[in-house]
């Protein structure tokens, strides 16, 4: 998994796999979900991340 935050454009991009993206859907305003050819989620893009998340430049990773 890769998480990138573009501070200049205020976009957070979370990539779950390297699969080829077949389709992107705007599920909710400011959230775009990318799907592969088997309709599995490949990535999520959050626009205006500083307004839609608490701390876009900070990541806490937990495994349970």
C-alpha atoms as a PDB file:
ATOM      1  CA  UNK A   1       0.000   0.000   0.000  1.00  0.00           C
ATOM      2  CA  UNK A   2       1.216   3.508  -0.833  1.00  0.00           C
ATOM      3  CA  UNK A   3      -0.134   6.734   0.601  1.00  0.00           C
ATOM      4  CA  UNK A   4       0.779  10.072  -0.950  1.00  0.00           C
ATOM      5  CA  UNK A   5      -0.267  13.550   0.074  1.00  0.00           C
ATOM      6  CA  UNK A   6       0.165  16.345  -2.457  1.00  0.00           C
ATOM      7  CA  UNK A   7       0.199  19.446  -0.264  1.00  0.00           C
ATOM      8  CA  UNK A   8       0.226  21.880  -3.200  1.00  0.00           C
ATOM      9  CA  UNK A   9      -2.975  20.432  -4.694  1.00  0.00           C
ATOM     10  CA  UNK A  10      -4.364  19.181  -1.349  1.00  0.00           C
ATOM     11  CA  UNK A  11      -4.956  15.643  -2.619  1.00  0.00           C
ATOM     12  CA  UNK A  12      -4.456  12.381  -0.727  1.00  0.00           C
ATOM     13  CA  UNK A  13      -3.948   9.265  -2.830  1.00  0.00           C
ATOM     14  CA  UNK A  14      -4.071   5.779  -1.311  1.00  0.00           C
ATOM     15  CA  UNK A  15      -2.984   2.975  -3.644  1.00  0.00           C
ATOM     16  CA  UNK A  16      -3.778  -0.581  -2.532  1.00  0.00           C
ATOM     17  CA  UNK A  17      -2.311  -2.524  -5.447  1.00  0.00           C
ATOM     18  CA  UNK A  18      -0.454  -2.121  -8.719  1.00  0.00           C
ATOM     19  CA  UNK A  19      -3.341  -3.558 -10.727  1.00  0.00           C
ATOM     20  CA  UNK A  20      -4.343  -1.647 -13.842  1.00  0.00           C
ATOM     21  CA  UNK A  21      -7.163   0.836 -13.256  1.00  0.00           C
ATOM     22  CA  UNK A  22     -10.135   0.186 -15.512  1.00  0.00           C
ATOM     23  CA  UNK A  23     -12.654   2.655 -14.106  1.00  0.00           C
ATOM     24  CA  UNK A  24     -12.802   5.600 -11.711  1.00  0.00           C
ATOM     25  CA  UNK A  25     -16.001   6.573  -9.954  1.00  0.00           C
ATOM     26  CA  UNK A  26     -16.818   9.659  -7.944  1.00  0.00           C
ATOM     27  CA  UNK A  27     -18.592   7.853  -5.111  1.00  0.00           C
ATOM     28  CA  UNK A  28     -19.140  10.971  -3.005  1.00  0.00           C
ATOM     29  CA  UNK A  29     -18.205  14.578  -3.553  1.00  0.00           C
ATOM     30  CA  UNK A  30     -14.428  14.833  -3.311  1.00  0.00           C
ATOM     31  CA  UNK A  31     -13.771  11.066  -3.204  1.00  0.00           C
ATOM     32  CA  UNK A  32     -12.763   9.103  -6.296  1.00  0.00           C
ATOM     33  CA  UNK A  33     -12.417   5.324  -6.172  1.00  0.00           C
ATOM     34  CA  UNK A  34     -10.435   3.470  -8.846  1.00  0.00           C
ATOM     35  CA  UNK A  35     -11.403  -0.099  -9.768  1.00  0.00           C
ATOM     36  CA  UNK A  36      -9.709  -2.860 -11.751  1.00  0.00           C
ATOM     37  CA  UNK A  37     -11.326  -5.054 -14.418  1.00  0.00           C
ATOM     38  CA  UNK A  38     -12.724  -7.363 -11.698  1.00  0.00           C
ATOM     39  CA  UNK A  39     -14.352  -4.408  -9.867  1.00  0.00           C
ATOM     40  CA  UNK A  40     -11.844  -4.555  -6.998  1.00  0.00           C
ATOM     41  CA  UNK A  41     -10.684  -1.309  -5.393  1.00  0.00           C
ATOM     42  CA  UNK A  42      -7.223  -0.310  -6.583  1.00  0.00           C
ATOM     43  CA  UNK A  43      -6.980   3.214  -5.136  1.00  0.00           C
ATOM     44  CA  UNK A  44      -8.839   6.025  -3.412  1.00  0.00           C
ATOM     45  CA  UNK A  45      -8.257   9.712  -4.101  1.00  0.00           C
ATOM     46  CA  UNK A  46      -9.453  12.356  -1.640  1.00  0.00           C
ATOM     47  CA  UNK A  47      -9.732  15.888  -2.967  1.00  0.00           C
ATOM     48  CA  UNK A  48      -9.440  18.843  -0.572  1.00  0.00           C
ATOM     49  CA  UNK A  49      -7.812  16.434   1.879  1.00  0.00           C
ATOM     50  CA  UNK A  50      -7.027  19.081   4.498  1.00  0.00           C
ATOM     51  CA  UNK A  51     -10.746  19.844   4.767  1.00  0.00           C
ATOM     52  CA  UNK A  52     -11.950  16.238   4.580  1.00  0.00           C
ATOM     53  CA  UNK A  53      -9.427  14.552   6.915  1.00  0.00           C
ATOM     54  CA  UNK A  54      -7.985  15.469  10.299  1.00  0.00           C
ATOM     55  CA  UNK A  55      -4.285  15.359   9.442  1.00  0.00           C
ATOM     56  CA  UNK A  56      -3.509  14.565   5.794  1.00  0.00           C
ATOM     57  CA  UNK A  57       0.261  14.862   6.296  1.00  0.00           C
ATOM     58  CA  UNK A  58       0.342  12.369   9.194  1.00  0.00           C
ATOM     59  CA  UNK A  59      -0.179   8.604   8.967  1.00  0.00           C
ATOM     60  CA  UNK A  60      -0.641   6.067  11.744  1.00  0.00           C
ATOM     61  CA  UNK A  61      -0.392   2.498  10.517  1.00  0.00           C
ATOM     62  CA  UNK A  62      -1.780  -0.301  12.684  1.00  0.00           C
ATOM     63  CA  UNK A  63      -1.990  -4.029  12.127  1.00  0.00           C
ATOM     64  CA  UNK A  64      -4.453  -5.920  14.307  1.00  0.00           C
END
